[in-house]
PDB file of N, CA and C in Angstrom:
ATOM      1  N   MET A   1      25.607   7.778  16.853  1.00  0.00           N
ATOM      2  CA  MET A   1      26.170   7.165  15.687  1.00  0.00           C
ATOM      3  C   MET A   1      25.041   6.566  14.859  1.00  0.00           C
ATOM      4  N   THR A   2      25.078   6.812  13.558  1.00  0.00           N
ATOM      5  CA  THR A   2      24.061   6.275  12.669  1.00  0.00           C
ATOM      6  C   THR A   2      24.696   5.333  11.662  1.00  0.00           C
ATOM      7  N   ASN A   3      23.873   4.544  11.055  1.00  0.00           N
ATOM      8  CA  ASN A   3      24.365   3.596  10.076  1.00  0.00           C
ATOM      9  C   ASN A   3      24.219   4.111   8.641  1.00  0.00           C
ATOM     10  N   GLY A   4      23.939   5.393   8.478  1.00  0.00           N
ATOM     11  CA  GLY A   4      23.802   5.990   7.163  1.00  0.00           C
ATOM     12  C   GLY A   4      22.367   6.047   6.669  1.00  0.00           C
ATOM     13  N   LEU A   5      21.440   5.368   7.344  1.00  0.00           N
ATOM     14  CA  LEU A   5      20.042   5.414   6.952  1.00  0.00           C
ATOM     15  C   LEU A   5      19.335   6.470   7.788  1.00  0.00           C
ATOM     16  N   SER A   6      18.648   7.359   7.123  1.00  0.00           N
ATOM     17  CA  SER A   6      17.939   8.415   7.810  1.00  0.00           C
ATOM     18  C   SER A   6      16.477   8.385   7.401  1.00  0.00           C
ATOM     19  N   MET A   7      15.597   8.551   8.357  1.00  0.00           N
ATOM     20  CA  MET A   7      14.172   8.575   8.076  1.00  0.00           C
ATOM     21  C   MET A   7      13.678  10.016   7.964  1.00  0.00           C
ATOM     22  N   GLU A   8      14.599  10.975   7.852  1.00  0.00           N
ATOM     23  CA  GLU A   8      14.213  12.378   7.772  1.00  0.00           C
ATOM     24  C   GLU A   8      13.660  12.735   6.403  1.00  0.00           C
ATOM     25  N   LYS A   9      14.176  12.147   5.357  1.00  0.00           N
ATOM     26  CA  LYS A   9      13.716  12.394   3.993  1.00  0.00           C
ATOM     27  C   LYS A   9      13.161  11.090   3.434  1.00  0.00           C
ATOM     28  N   PRO A  10      12.272  11.192   2.441  1.00  0.00           N
ATOM     29  CA  PRO A  10      11.744   9.962   1.836  1.00  0.00           C
ATOM     30  C   PRO A  10      12.852   9.112   1.228  1.00  0.00           C
ATOM     31  N   LEU A  11      12.627   7.821   1.255  1.00  0.00           N
ATOM     32  CA  LEU A  11      13.590   6.878   0.705  1.00  0.00           C
ATOM     33  C   LEU A  11      13.730   7.058  -0.805  1.00  0.00           C
ATOM     34  N   GLU A  12      14.901   6.796  -1.317  1.00  0.00           N
ATOM     35  CA  GLU A  12      15.142   6.891  -2.760  1.00  0.00           C
ATOM     36  C   GLU A  12      15.491   5.514  -3.273  1.00  0.00           C
ATOM     37  N   PRO A  13      15.177   5.132  -4.433  1.00  0.00           N
ATOM     38  CA  PRO A  13      14.267   5.774  -5.392  1.00  0.00           C
ATOM     39  C   PRO A  13      12.815   5.573  -4.986  1.00  0.00           C
ATOM     40  N   LYS A  14      12.044   6.636  -5.060  1.00  0.00           N
ATOM     41  CA  LYS A  14      10.660   6.580  -4.603  1.00  0.00           C
ATOM     42  C   LYS A  14       9.836   5.573  -5.390  1.00  0.00           C
ATOM     43  N   TRP A  15      10.032   5.506  -6.698  1.00  0.00           N
ATOM     44  CA  TRP A  15       9.219   4.614  -7.523  1.00  0.00           C
ATOM     45  C   TRP A  15       9.349   3.161  -7.084  1.00  0.00           C
ATOM     46  N   LEU A  16      10.527   2.788  -6.601  1.00  0.00           N
ATOM     47  CA  LEU A  16      10.734   1.418  -6.142  1.00  0.00           C
ATOM     48  C   LEU A  16       9.869   1.120  -4.911  1.00  0.00           C
ATOM     49  N   PHE A  17       9.789   2.080  -4.021  1.00  0.00           N
ATOM     50  CA  PHE A  17       8.976   1.890  -2.818  1.00  0.00           C
ATOM     51  C   PHE A  17       7.482   1.994  -3.131  1.00  0.00           C
ATOM     52  N   TYR A  18       7.123   2.738  -4.185  1.00  0.00           N
ATOM     53  CA  TYR A  18       5.725   2.779  -4.613  1.00  0.00           C
ATOM     54  C   TYR A  18       5.309   1.401  -5.143  1.00  0.00           C
ATOM     55  N   ILE A  19       6.159   0.800  -5.953  1.00  0.00           N
ATOM     56  CA  ILE A  19       5.856  -0.532  -6.485  1.00  0.00           C
ATOM     57  C   ILE A  19       5.802  -1.555  -5.349  1.00  0.00           C
ATOM     58  N   LEU A  20       6.754  -1.466  -4.440  1.00  0.00           N
ATOM     59  CA  LEU A  20       6.784  -2.373  -3.287  1.00  0.00           C
ATOM     60  C   LEU A  20       5.529  -2.194  -2.431  1.00  0.00           C
ATOM     61  N   SER A  21       5.082  -0.950  -2.273  1.00  0.00           N
ATOM     62  CA  SER A  21       3.881  -0.674  -1.485  1.00  0.00           C
ATOM     63  C   SER A  21       2.647  -1.299  -2.113  1.00  0.00           C
ATOM     64  N   PHE A  22       2.603  -1.336  -3.442  1.00  0.00           N
ATOM     65  CA  PHE A  22       1.454  -1.913  -4.128  1.00  0.00           C
ATOM     66  C   PHE A  22       1.491  -3.437  -4.092  1.00  0.00           C
ATOM     67  N   LEU A  23       2.659  -4.011  -4.320  1.00  0.00           N
ATOM     68  CA  LEU A  23       2.773  -5.467  -4.390  1.00  0.00           C
ATOM     69  C   LEU A  23       2.727  -6.133  -3.020  1.00  0.00           C
ATOM     70  N   ILE A  24       3.311  -5.497  -2.024  1.00  0.00           N
ATOM     71  CA  ILE A  24       3.314  -6.031  -0.654  1.00  0.00           C
ATOM     72  C   ILE A  24       2.630  -4.977   0.218  1.00  0.00           C
ATOM     73  N   TRP A  25       1.304  -5.051   0.275  1.00  0.00           N
ATOM     74  CA  TRP A  25       0.526  -3.980   0.882  1.00  0.00           C
ATOM     75  C   TRP A  25       0.839  -3.679   2.345  1.00  0.00           C
ATOM     76  N   PRO A  26       1.240  -4.650   3.187  1.00  0.00           N
ATOM     77  CA  PRO A  26       1.577  -4.262   4.564  1.00  0.00           C
ATOM     78  C   PRO A  26       2.775  -3.300   4.620  1.00  0.00           C
ATOM     79  N   VAL A  27       3.714  -3.474   3.695  1.00  0.00           N
ATOM     80  CA  VAL A  27       4.864  -2.566   3.645  1.00  0.00           C
ATOM     81  C   VAL A  27       4.387  -1.158   3.324  1.00  0.00           C
ATOM     82  N   GLY A  28       3.472  -1.024   2.380  1.00  0.00           N
ATOM     83  CA  GLY A  28       2.949   0.293   2.022  1.00  0.00           C
ATOM     84  C   GLY A  28       2.223   0.967   3.170  1.00  0.00           C
ATOM     85  N   ILE A  29       1.447   0.197   3.895  1.00  0.00           N
ATOM     86  CA  ILE A  29       0.708   0.769   5.023  1.00  0.00           C
ATOM     87  C   ILE A  29       1.669   1.194   6.129  1.00  0.00           C
ATOM     88  N   ILE A  30       2.656   0.370   6.414  1.00  0.00           N
ATOM     89  CA  ILE A  30       3.629   0.707   7.462  1.00  0.00           C
ATOM     90  C   ILE A  30       4.453   1.933   7.065  1.00  0.00           C
ATOM     91  N   LEU A  31       4.972   1.945   5.835  1.00  0.00           N
ATOM     92  CA  LEU A  31       5.732   3.112   5.371  1.00  0.00           C
ATOM     93  C   LEU A  31       4.856   4.368   5.396  1.00  0.00           C
ATOM     94  N   GLY A  32       3.605   4.214   4.966  1.00  0.00           N
ATOM     95  CA  GLY A  32       2.696   5.357   4.951  1.00  0.00           C
ATOM     96  C   GLY A  32       2.484   5.942   6.334  1.00  0.00           C
ATOM     97  N   ILE A  33       2.255   5.093   7.302  1.00  0.00           N
ATOM     98  CA  ILE A  33       2.037   5.570   8.670  1.00  0.00           C
ATOM     99  C   ILE A  33       3.291   6.240   9.220  1.00  0.00           C
ATOM    100  N   ILE A  34       4.437   5.632   8.978  1.00  0.00           N
ATOM    101  CA  ILE A  34       5.698   6.204   9.487  1.00  0.00           C
ATOM    102  C   ILE A  34       5.959   7.580   8.890  1.00  0.00           C
ATOM    103  N   TYR A  35       5.827   7.686   7.574  1.00  0.00           N
ATOM    104  CA  TYR A  35       6.177   8.940   6.915  1.00  0.00           C
ATOM    105  C   TYR A  35       5.102  10.008   7.040  1.00  0.00           C
ATOM    106  N   MET A  36       3.853   9.643   7.251  1.00  0.00           N
ATOM    107  CA  MET A  36       2.826  10.666   7.441  1.00  0.00           C
ATOM    108  C   MET A  36       2.930  11.333   8.800  1.00  0.00           C
ATOM    109  N   ARG A  37       3.657  10.721   9.716  1.00  0.00           N
ATOM    110  CA  ARG A  37       3.841  11.321  11.044  1.00  0.00           C
ATOM    111  C   ARG A  37       4.959  12.356  11.060  1.00  0.00           C
ATOM    112  N   LYS A  38       5.752  12.434   9.983  1.00  0.00           N
ATOM    113  CA  LYS A  38       6.849  13.401   9.901  1.00  0.00           C
ATOM    114  C   LYS A  38       6.287  14.799   9.641  1.00  0.00           C
ATOM    115  N   THR A  39       7.090  15.811   9.940  1.00  0.00           N
ATOM    116  CA  THR A  39       6.643  17.192   9.736  1.00  0.00           C
ATOM    117  C   THR A  39       6.992  17.721   8.348  1.00  0.00           C
ATOM    118  N   ASP A  40       7.946  17.118   7.667  1.00  0.00           N
ATOM    119  CA  ASP A  40       8.369  17.559   6.347  1.00  0.00           C
ATOM    120  C   ASP A  40       7.278  17.274   5.312  1.00  0.00           C
ATOM    121  N   PRO A  41       6.914  18.259   4.474  1.00  0.00           N
ATOM    122  CA  PRO A  41       5.873  18.035   3.461  1.00  0.00           C
ATOM    123  C   PRO A  41       6.230  16.937   2.453  1.00  0.00           C
ATOM    124  N   ASP A  42       7.507  16.801   2.110  1.00  0.00           N
ATOM    125  CA  ASP A  42       7.917  15.739   1.194  1.00  0.00           C
ATOM    126  C   ASP A  42       7.672  14.366   1.812  1.00  0.00           C
ATOM    127  N   CYS A  43       7.969  14.239   3.085  1.00  0.00           N
ATOM    128  CA  CYS A  43       7.739  12.974   3.785  1.00  0.00           C
ATOM    129  C   CYS A  43       6.255  12.661   3.864  1.00  0.00           C
ATOM    130  N   LYS A  44       5.441  13.681   4.135  1.00  0.00           N
ATOM    131  CA  LYS A  44       3.997  13.473   4.220  1.00  0.00           C
ATOM    132  C   LYS A  44       3.433  13.034   2.866  1.00  0.00           C
ATOM    133  N   SER A  45       3.914  13.651   1.801  1.00  0.00           N
ATOM    134  CA  SER A  45       3.456  13.299   0.462  1.00  0.00           C
ATOM    135  C   SER A  45       3.853  11.864   0.119  1.00  0.00           C
ATOM    136  N   PHE A  46       5.088  11.501   0.431  1.00  0.00           N
ATOM    137  CA  PHE A  46       5.577  10.139   0.198  1.00  0.00           C
ATOM    138  C   PHE A  46       4.760   9.137   1.009  1.00  0.00           C
ATOM    139  N   GLY A  47       4.502   9.449   2.267  1.00  0.00           N
ATOM    140  CA  GLY A  47       3.722   8.570   3.135  1.00  0.00           C
ATOM    141  C   GLY A  47       2.295   8.397   2.664  1.00  0.00           C
ATOM    142  N   LYS A  48       1.692   9.495   2.194  1.00  0.00           N
ATOM    143  CA  LYS A  48       0.323   9.434   1.706  1.00  0.00           C
ATOM    144  C   LYS A  48       0.238   8.529   0.479  1.00  0.00           C
ATOM    145  N   MET A  49       1.189   8.660  -0.439  1.00  0.00           N
ATOM    146  CA  MET A  49       1.178   7.833  -1.643  1.00  0.00           C
ATOM    147  C   MET A  49       1.403   6.350  -1.300  1.00  0.00           C
ATOM    148  N   CYS A  50       2.326   6.085  -0.382  1.00  0.00           N
ATOM    149  CA  CYS A  50       2.559   4.694   0.037  1.00  0.00           C
ATOM    150  C   CYS A  50       1.317   4.105   0.692  1.00  0.00           C
ATOM    151  N   LEU A  51       0.642   4.899   1.500  1.00  0.00           N
ATOM    152  CA  LEU A  51      -0.569   4.435   2.167  1.00  0.00           C
ATOM    153  C   LEU A  51      -1.668   4.143   1.151  1.00  0.00           C
ATOM    154  N   ILE A  52      -1.847   5.036   0.197  1.00  0.00           N
ATOM    155  CA  ILE A  52      -2.854   4.829  -0.848  1.00  0.00           C
ATOM    156  C   ILE A  52      -2.531   3.573  -1.650  1.00  0.00           C
ATOM    157  N   LEU A  53      -1.258   3.424  -2.030  1.00  0.00           N
ATOM    158  CA  LEU A  53      -0.861   2.261  -2.815  1.00  0.00           C
ATOM    159  C   LEU A  53      -0.913   0.968  -1.991  1.00  0.00           C
ATOM    160  N   GLY A  54      -0.902   1.077  -0.678  1.00  0.00           N
ATOM    161  CA  GLY A  54      -1.066  -0.090   0.173  1.00  0.00           C
ATOM    162  C   GLY A  54      -2.518  -0.484   0.364  1.00  0.00           C
ATOM    163  N   ILE A  55      -3.424   0.484   0.227  1.00  0.00           N
ATOM    164  CA  ILE A  55      -4.856   0.222   0.421  1.00  0.00           C
ATOM    165  C   ILE A  55      -5.516  -0.249  -0.869  1.00  0.00           C
ATOM    166  N   ILE A  56      -5.037   0.219  -2.015  1.00  0.00           N
ATOM    167  CA  ILE A  56      -5.646  -0.147  -3.305  1.00  0.00           C
ATOM    168  C   ILE A  56      -5.711  -1.663  -3.517  1.00  0.00           C
ATOM    169  N   PRO A  57      -4.640  -2.432  -3.258  1.00  0.00           N
ATOM    170  CA  PRO A  57      -4.761  -3.888  -3.468  1.00  0.00           C
ATOM    171  C   PRO A  57      -5.807  -4.550  -2.576  1.00  0.00           C
ATOM    172  N   ILE A  58      -5.993  -4.037  -1.382  1.00  0.00           N
ATOM    173  CA  ILE A  58      -7.004  -4.590  -0.478  1.00  0.00           C
ATOM    174  C   ILE A  58      -8.394  -4.356  -1.064  1.00  0.00           C
ATOM    175  N   VAL A  59      -8.636  -3.143  -1.557  1.00  0.00           N
ATOM    176  CA  VAL A  59      -9.927  -2.805  -2.154  1.00  0.00           C
ATOM    177  C   VAL A  59     -10.167  -3.647  -3.412  1.00  0.00           C
ATOM    178  N   LEU A  60      -9.153  -3.770  -4.255  1.00  0.00           N
ATOM    179  CA  LEU A  60      -9.284  -4.579  -5.468  1.00  0.00           C
ATOM    180  C   LEU A  60      -9.576  -6.044  -5.128  1.00  0.00           C
ATOM    181  N   TRP A  61      -8.924  -6.563  -4.106  1.00  0.00           N
ATOM    182  CA  TRP A  61      -9.150  -7.935  -3.674  1.00  0.00           C
ATOM    183  C   TRP A  61     -10.603  -8.116  -3.206  1.00  0.00           C
ATOM    184  N   CYS A  62     -11.094  -7.154  -2.427  1.00  0.00           N
ATOM    185  CA  CYS A  62     -12.479  -7.229  -1.948  1.00  0.00           C
ATOM    186  C   CYS A  62     -13.468  -7.194  -3.110  1.00  0.00           C
ATOM    187  N   ILE A  63     -13.213  -6.334  -4.097  1.00  0.00           N
ATOM    188  CA  ILE A  63     -14.080  -6.254  -5.267  1.00  0.00           C
ATOM    189  C   ILE A  63     -14.073  -7.578  -6.028  1.00  0.00           C
ATOM    190  N   CYS A  64     -12.904  -8.160  -6.199  1.00  0.00           N
ATOM    191  CA  CYS A  64     -12.811  -9.448  -6.900  1.00  0.00           C
ATOM    192  C   CYS A  64     -13.574 -10.538  -6.164  1.00  0.00           C
ATOM    193  N   ILE A  65     -13.470 -10.578  -4.849  1.00  0.00           N
ATOM    194  CA  ILE A  65     -14.196 -11.573  -4.055  1.00  0.00           C
ATOM    195  C   ILE A  65     -15.699 -11.372  -4.186  1.00  0.00           C
ATOM    196  N   ILE A  66     -16.149 -10.111  -4.161  1.00  0.00           N
ATOM    197  CA  ILE A  66     -17.584  -9.825  -4.297  1.00  0.00           C
ATOM    198  C   ILE A  66     -18.092 -10.299  -5.646  1.00  0.00           C
ATOM    199  N   PHE A  67     -17.335 -10.024  -6.719  1.00  0.00           N
ATOM    200  CA  PHE A  67     -17.743 -10.493  -8.038  1.00  0.00           C
ATOM    201  C   PHE A  67     -17.722 -12.016  -8.122  1.00  0.00           C
ATOM    202  N   TRP A  68     -16.733 -12.617  -7.528  1.00  0.00           N
ATOM    203  CA  TRP A  68     -16.609 -14.069  -7.548  1.00  0.00           C
ATOM    204  C   TRP A  68     -17.805 -14.724  -6.861  1.00  0.00           C
ATOM    205  N   VAL A  69     -18.144 -14.214  -5.693  1.00  0.00           N
ATOM    206  CA  VAL A  69     -19.283 -14.751  -4.951  1.00  0.00           C
ATOM    207  C   VAL A  69     -20.585 -14.392  -5.666  1.00  0.00           C
ATOM    208  N   GLY A  70     -20.667 -13.171  -6.172  1.00  0.00           N
ATOM    209  CA  GLY A  70     -21.870 -12.730  -6.847  1.00  0.00           C
ATOM    210  C   GLY A  70     -22.150 -13.483  -8.127  1.00  0.00           C
ATOM    211  N   CYS A  71     -21.133 -13.939  -8.803  1.00  0.00           N
ATOM    212  CA  CYS A  71     -21.315 -14.689 -10.059  1.00  0.00           C
ATOM    213  C   CYS A  71     -21.623 -16.161  -9.804  1.00  0.00           C
ATOM    214  N   GLY A  72     -21.649 -16.566  -8.569  1.00  0.00           N
ATOM    215  CA  GLY A  72     -22.006 -17.938  -8.239  1.00  0.00           C
ATOM    216  C   GLY A  72     -20.853 -18.914  -8.315  1.00  0.00           C
ATOM    217  N   ALA A  73     -19.659 -18.429  -8.197  1.00  0.00           N
ATOM    218  CA  ALA A  73     -18.484 -19.312  -8.302  1.00  0.00           C
ATOM    219  C   ALA A  73     -18.220 -20.071  -7.012  1.00  0.00           C
ATOM    220  N   VAL A  74     -19.104 -19.956  -6.061  1.00  0.00           N
ATOM    221  CA  VAL A  74     -18.890 -20.608  -4.778  1.00  0.00           C
ATOM    222  C   VAL A  74     -19.217 -22.084  -4.847  1.00  0.00           C
ATOM    223  N   GLY A  75     -19.937 -22.508  -5.858  1.00  0.00           N
ATOM    224  CA  GLY A  75     -20.232 -23.925  -5.975  1.00  0.00           C
ATOM    225  C   GLY A  75     -21.700 -24.224  -6.215  1.00  0.00           C
ATOM    226  N   THR A  76     -22.491 -23.202  -6.476  1.00  0.00           N
ATOM    227  CA  THR A  76     -23.896 -23.457  -6.751  1.00  0.00           C
ATOM    228  C   THR A  76     -24.034 -23.951  -8.187  1.00  0.00           C
ATOM    229  N   ALA A  77     -24.849 -24.952  -8.355  1.00  0.00           N
ATOM    230  CA  ALA A  77     -25.069 -25.534  -9.674  1.00  0.00           C
ATOM    231  C   ALA A  77     -26.265 -24.869 -10.335  1.00  0.00           C
ATOM    232  N   VAL A  78     -26.134 -24.662 -11.637  1.00  0.00           N
ATOM    233  CA  VAL A  78     -27.228 -24.082 -12.405  1.00  0.00           C
ATOM    234  C   VAL A  78     -28.101 -25.229 -12.899  1.00  0.00           C
ATOM    235  N   SER A  79     -29.412 -25.180 -12.587  1.00  0.00           N
ATOM    236  CA  SER A  79     -30.307 -26.269 -12.993  1.00  0.00           C
ATOM    237  C   SER A  79     -31.037 -25.921 -14.254  1.00  0.00           C
TER     238      SER A  79
END
């Protein structure tokens, strides 16, 4: 007996889960891993996009931190 939710096909609407994957990156990584393990090409494509959209915010955050530290925003005073 199922509750009507099936993990055989990608979730609909896809765009909603893409946005969710970008804004809440752990969700994107988890969805990506789950769907990339499926054999269906549509599921693999959906999983790959969710995984990419889950990794992009992490990379952007790291870049911002590097610029922040590199620009001296850590508290060094200019003499």
